[in-house]
């Protein structure tokens, strides 16, 4: 089997490639320098030449606040780019795994969102990822949609690295306390994506590390495990001003994984311990 991984220089793409290599699966990673994903001719030419059996599509525009000022650029990558990948895969009768986000939902209530729950993204980024999902499902018949949230990995910036830096510099750090979801270690998610792509269990799934917390809960645990002394000061979303609106409820139901026979990811605090052991 041959697998193409987009977004190879990002947090998730990096770990997906590592996992495929551990399994001795023929794979290649690509990023912006290889071709312009928003250009169909470039995308199609590259994908058709490599002729993969599957594409794990991790490439995305993820600058949530910046997207409010750059909707065209965000949509070019997340919507047009995803459609281009899907069309190329369909031409090869290849599978595609599209990594999406909790941001496709409104964040109302406190119950975990099921995959088929109504979609109501609050920001440009969330809308673009939802439209990317629809493009994948429409253009490629062998498709997996995997929504995740709050990712952290070795190869890139994330809240864990930010807290470690600020925790060493400051006595007190303000962190939002009323947004609740699940942190997700890209190493764990990569294992699931590689398991999934080897099957024909096409559909829409939710995949995060188990259990829920607020951003401030997460930050407290980071500081504690790292042995830092900084105090985490919980604040509300309203107090933390940002250009893009964020969902308050990012809980995602994992029952679709259970039904398809896929393993759930370990708990987020277990994942954080393993991540810090590797990072520090």
Protein backbone atom coordinates (compact mmCIF):
# COMPACT_ATOMS: atom_id res chain seq x y z
CA UNK A 1 0.00 0.00 0.00
CA UNK A 2 1.17 3.53 -0.83
CA UNK A 3 0.02 6.50 1.25
CA UNK A 4 0.46 10.21 0.59
CA UNK A 5 0.37 12.52 3.63
CA UNK A 6 -0.35 16.22 3.13
CA UNK A 7 0.71 18.81 5.70
CA UNK A 8 3.85 16.78 6.42
CA UNK A 9 5.51 19.66 8.31
CA UNK A 10 2.56 20.17 10.66
CA UNK A 11 2.01 18.58 14.05
CA UNK A 12 -0.28 15.78 12.86
CA UNK A 13 1.29 15.13 9.46
CA UNK A 14 4.67 14.70 11.12
CA UNK A 15 3.36 12.02 13.49
CA UNK A 16 1.33 10.26 10.79
CA UNK A 17 4.46 9.86 8.69
CA UNK A 18 6.36 8.51 11.70
CA UNK A 19 3.61 5.97 12.40
CA UNK A 20 3.46 4.81 8.77
CA UNK A 21 7.24 4.37 8.77
CA UNK A 22 7.03 2.29 11.97
CA UNK A 23 4.55 0.04 10.15
CA UNK A 24 6.87 -0.17 7.11
CA UNK A 25 4.16 1.26 4.86
CA UNK A 26 5.31 2.95 1.66
CA UNK A 27 4.59 6.65 2.20
CA UNK A 28 5.53 10.15 1.15
CA UNK A 29 4.92 13.45 2.90
CA UNK A 30 4.22 16.69 1.08
CA UNK A 31 3.82 20.30 2.12
CA UNK A 32 3.50 23.77 0.59
CA UNK A 33 6.88 23.59 -1.15
CA UNK A 34 5.81 20.55 -3.19
CA UNK A 35 2.69 21.94 -4.87
CA UNK A 36 -0.05 24.53 -4.42
CA UNK A 37 -2.99 22.58 -3.02
CA UNK A 38 -5.44 25.25 -4.19
CA UNK A 39 -4.36 24.69 -7.81
CA UNK A 40 -6.12 21.64 -9.26
CA UNK A 41 -3.63 21.06 -12.06
CA UNK A 42 -0.66 21.07 -9.69
CA UNK A 43 -2.42 18.92 -7.12
CA UNK A 44 -3.75 16.43 -9.63
CA UNK A 45 -0.41 16.10 -11.44
CA UNK A 46 1.47 15.35 -8.21
CA UNK A 47 -1.10 12.92 -6.80
CA UNK A 48 -1.61 11.07 -10.09
CA UNK A 49 2.14 10.71 -10.58
CA UNK A 50 2.69 9.22 -7.13
CA UNK A 51 -0.54 7.19 -7.50
CA UNK A 52 -1.20 6.45 -3.82
CA UNK A 53 -3.77 3.98 -2.58
CA UNK A 54 -4.78 6.57 0.00
CA UNK A 55 -4.19 10.17 1.05
CA UNK A 56 -4.22 11.21 4.70
CA UNK A 57 -5.06 14.86 4.29
CA UNK A 58 -3.61 16.79 7.25
CA UNK A 59 -2.82 20.04 5.41
CA UNK A 60 -4.97 22.94 6.54
CA UNK A 61 -5.13 26.65 7.18
CA UNK A 62 -5.43 26.69 10.98
CA UNK A 63 -4.81 30.32 12.03
CA UNK A 64 -8.29 30.78 13.49
CA UNK A 65 -8.15 34.50 14.27
CA UNK A 66 -6.17 35.40 11.16
CA UNK A 67 -8.77 33.61 9.03
CA UNK A 68 -11.29 36.30 9.93
CA UNK A 69 -9.13 38.74 7.95
CA UNK A 70 -8.09 36.23 5.27
CA UNK A 71 -11.24 34.27 4.39
CA UNK A 72 -10.21 33.83 0.75
CA UNK A 73 -6.84 32.33 1.65
CA UNK A 74 -8.42 30.13 4.33
CA UNK A 75 -11.06 28.83 1.90
CA UNK A 76 -8.52 28.29 -0.87
CA UNK A 77 -6.64 25.83 1.35
CA UNK A 78 -9.41 24.24 3.39
CA UNK A 79 -12.17 24.06 0.80
CA UNK A 80 -10.68 24.25 -2.70
CA UNK A 81 -7.56 22.37 -1.66
CA UNK A 82 -9.59 19.59 -0.07
CA UNK A 83 -11.81 19.31 -3.13
CA UNK A 84 -8.72 19.05 -5.33
CA UNK A 85 -7.31 16.24 -3.18
CA UNK A 86 -10.66 14.44 -3.24
CA UNK A 87 -11.01 14.70 -7.03
CA UNK A 88 -7.51 13.36 -7.56
CA UNK A 89 -8.14 10.48 -5.16
CA UNK A 90 -11.42 9.61 -6.84
CA UNK A 91 -9.71 9.51 -10.23
CA UNK A 92 -7.33 6.88 -8.81
CA UNK A 93 -10.08 5.04 -6.89
CA UNK A 94 -7.99 5.89 -3.81
CA UNK A 95 -9.14 6.53 -0.25
CA UNK A 96 -8.93 9.90 1.48
CA UNK A 97 -8.83 10.65 5.19
CA UNK A 98 -9.80 14.27 5.92
CA UNK A 99 -8.94 15.70 9.32
CA UNK A 100 -11.61 18.14 10.50
CA UNK A 101 -12.48 19.97 13.69
CA UNK A 102 -14.91 20.49 16.57
CA UNK A 103 -15.31 24.03 15.21
CA UNK A 104 -17.93 22.82 12.72
CA UNK A 105 -20.37 22.87 15.67
CA UNK A 106 -21.97 25.80 17.50
CA UNK A 107 -20.67 24.79 20.92
CA UNK A 108 -24.12 25.09 22.50
CA UNK A 109 -25.14 22.98 25.49
CA UNK A 110 -22.98 20.55 27.43
CA UNK A 111 -23.64 17.19 25.77
CA UNK A 112 -21.06 15.62 23.43
CA UNK A 113 -21.82 16.27 19.75
CA UNK A 114 -22.58 13.21 17.62
CA UNK A 115 -21.11 13.17 14.08
CA UNK A 116 -24.53 13.87 12.51
CA UNK A 117 -25.47 16.70 14.89
CA UNK A 118 -26.52 19.99 13.23
CA UNK A 119 -23.56 22.08 12.04
CA UNK A 120 -23.31 25.77 12.91
CA UNK A 121 -19.70 26.99 12.84
CA UNK A 122 -19.04 30.29 14.59
CA UNK A 123 -16.07 31.50 12.58
CA UNK A 124 -14.46 31.56 9.13
CA UNK A 125 -12.12 28.69 9.97
CA UNK A 126 -14.95 26.44 11.16
CA UNK A 127 -17.04 27.21 8.08
CA UNK A 128 -14.11 26.43 5.81
CA UNK A 129 -13.48 23.07 7.49
CA UNK A 130 -17.16 22.17 7.22
CA UNK A 131 -17.18 23.05 3.53
CA UNK A 132 -14.01 21.01 3.16
CA UNK A 133 -15.83 18.02 4.64
CA UNK A 134 -18.69 18.44 2.19
CA UNK A 135 -16.27 18.68 -0.73
CA UNK A 136 -14.50 15.48 0.34
CA UNK A 137 -17.76 13.55 0.73
CA UNK A 138 -19.08 14.80 -2.60
CA UNK A 139 -15.94 14.27 -4.69
CA UNK A 140 -14.49 11.04 -3.32
CA UNK A 141 -16.55 7.93 -2.70
CA UNK A 142 -13.92 6.31 -0.45
CA UNK A 143 -13.69 8.93 2.28
CA UNK A 144 -13.21 9.19 6.02
CA UNK A 145 -13.96 12.41 7.91
CA UNK A 146 -12.23 12.55 11.31
CA UNK A 147 -13.05 15.50 13.57
CA UNK A 148 -10.63 16.23 16.38
CA UNK A 149 -9.87 19.07 18.80
CA UNK A 150 -7.17 20.90 20.75
CA UNK A 151 -4.21 19.12 19.16
CA UNK A 152 -0.68 19.11 20.53
CA UNK A 153 2.40 17.44 19.08
CA UNK A 154 6.17 17.56 18.98
CA UNK A 155 6.50 19.26 15.60
CA UNK A 156 4.80 22.63 15.97
CA UNK A 157 3.36 25.22 18.31
CA UNK A 158 0.53 24.46 20.72
CA UNK A 159 -0.86 25.37 24.13
CA UNK A 160 1.47 22.99 25.97
CA UNK A 161 4.59 24.67 24.58
CA UNK A 162 3.09 28.10 25.22
CA UNK A 163 2.31 27.24 28.85
CA UNK A 164 5.81 25.86 29.39
CA UNK A 165 7.30 29.09 28.06
CA UNK A 166 4.97 31.40 29.97
CA UNK A 167 5.19 29.26 33.10
CA UNK A 168 8.94 29.83 33.19
CA UNK A 169 8.57 33.58 32.60
CA UNK A 170 5.51 34.64 34.61
CA UNK A 171 4.03 34.21 38.06
CA UNK A 172 0.42 34.26 36.80
CA UNK A 173 -1.16 33.28 33.46
CA UNK A 174 -4.72 34.01 32.34
CA UNK A 175 -6.39 31.00 30.67
CA UNK A 176 -9.99 30.57 29.54
CA UNK A 177 -12.08 28.39 31.86
CA UNK A 178 -15.48 28.13 30.13
CA UNK A 179 -14.47 26.36 26.92
CA UNK A 180 -14.61 22.60 27.50
CA UNK A 181 -13.32 19.83 25.26
CA UNK A 182 -10.58 17.24 24.89
CA UNK A 183 -6.88 17.85 24.24
CA UNK A 184 -5.57 15.48 21.57
CA UNK A 185 -2.01 14.20 21.27
CA UNK A 186 -1.12 13.91 17.59
CA UNK A 187 0.92 10.78 18.28
CA UNK A 188 -2.21 8.99 19.50
CA UNK A 189 -4.40 10.37 16.72
CA UNK A 190 -1.85 9.27 14.12
CA UNK A 191 -2.15 5.65 15.29
CA UNK A 192 -5.92 5.76 14.81
CA UNK A 193 -5.71 7.40 11.38
CA UNK A 194 -3.25 4.75 10.21
CA UNK A 195 -5.50 2.00 11.57
CA UNK A 196 -8.49 3.56 9.84
CA UNK A 197 -6.94 4.04 6.41
CA UNK A 198 -6.20 0.32 6.18
CA UNK A 199 -9.94 -0.45 6.39
CA UNK A 200 -13.00 0.29 4.28
CA UNK A 201 -15.03 1.64 7.21
CA UNK A 202 -15.80 4.89 5.42
CA UNK A 203 -17.78 7.56 7.26
CA UNK A 204 -17.63 10.43 9.73
CA UNK A 205 -15.88 9.96 13.07
CA UNK A 206 -14.86 11.91 16.14
CA UNK A 207 -11.42 11.22 17.61
CA UNK A 208 -9.86 12.96 20.60
CA UNK A 209 -8.10 11.76 23.71
CA UNK A 210 -10.59 10.56 26.31
CA UNK A 211 -12.20 12.69 29.04
CA UNK A 212 -12.97 16.40 29.08
CA UNK A 213 -11.45 19.51 30.63
CA UNK A 214 -11.41 23.27 30.23
CA UNK A 215 -8.44 25.08 28.76
CA UNK A 216 -7.56 26.31 32.26
CA UNK A 217 -7.76 22.74 33.66
CA UNK A 218 -5.40 21.66 30.90
CA UNK A 219 -3.01 24.51 31.68
CA UNK A 220 -3.00 23.68 35.41
CA UNK A 221 -2.03 20.08 34.60
CA UNK A 222 0.74 21.21 32.24
CA UNK A 223 2.25 23.50 34.87
CA UNK A 224 1.95 20.81 37.55
CA UNK A 225 3.55 18.03 35.50
CA UNK A 226 6.34 20.33 34.35
CA UNK A 227 7.14 21.27 37.94
CA UNK A 228 6.61 24.98 37.36
CA UNK A 229 5.31 27.44 39.94
CA UNK A 230 3.16 29.77 37.83
CA UNK A 231 -0.44 30.32 38.92
CA UNK A 232 -3.18 29.72 36.34
CA UNK A 233 -5.85 32.40 36.61
CA UNK A 234 -9.16 31.17 35.10
CA UNK A 235 -10.98 33.79 33.02
CA UNK A 236 -14.10 33.70 30.85
CA UNK A 237 -14.19 33.69 27.07
CA UNK A 238 -15.78 37.13 27.25
CA UNK A 239 -12.80 38.41 29.24
CA UNK A 240 -10.36 36.91 26.74
CA UNK A 241 -10.81 39.06 23.67
CA UNK A 242 -10.15 37.38 20.31
CA UNK A 243 -11.16 38.18 16.75
CA UNK A 244 -12.85 34.81 16.09
CA UNK A 245 -15.63 33.34 18.21
CA UNK A 246 -14.87 29.93 19.76
CA UNK A 247 -17.34 27.20 20.79
CA UNK A 248 -17.84 26.84 24.55
CA UNK A 249 -18.73 23.15 24.23
CA UNK A 250 -16.22 21.15 22.18
CA UNK A 251 -17.17 17.76 23.62
CA UNK A 252 -17.27 15.15 20.84
CA UNK A 253 -18.96 11.75 21.11
CA UNK A 254 -16.72 8.80 20.22
CA UNK A 255 -19.49 6.22 19.81
CA UNK A 256 -18.93 6.15 16.04
CA UNK A 257 -15.44 4.74 16.71
CA UNK A 258 -16.91 2.05 18.95
CA UNK A 259 -19.52 1.06 16.36
CA UNK A 260 -16.85 0.67 13.65
CA UNK A 261 -14.53 -1.35 15.89
CA UNK A 262 -11.79 1.28 16.24
CA UNK A 263 -9.95 1.81 19.52
CA UNK A 264 -10.53 5.02 21.43
CA UNK A 265 -7.51 7.16 22.28
CA UNK A 266 -6.05 7.11 25.82
CA UNK A 267 -7.05 9.77 28.36
CA UNK A 268 -5.76 13.29 27.73
CA UNK A 269 -3.81 13.43 31.01
CA UNK A 270 -2.04 10.16 30.16
CA UNK A 271 -1.24 11.58 26.72
CA UNK A 272 0.09 14.79 28.26
CA UNK A 273 2.42 12.86 30.58
CA UNK A 274 3.86 10.90 27.65
CA UNK A 275 4.19 14.05 25.56
CA UNK A 276 6.06 15.95 28.27
CA UNK A 277 8.35 12.98 28.87
CA UNK A 278 9.33 13.20 25.20
CA UNK A 279 9.48 16.99 25.09
CA UNK A 280 11.34 17.85 28.29
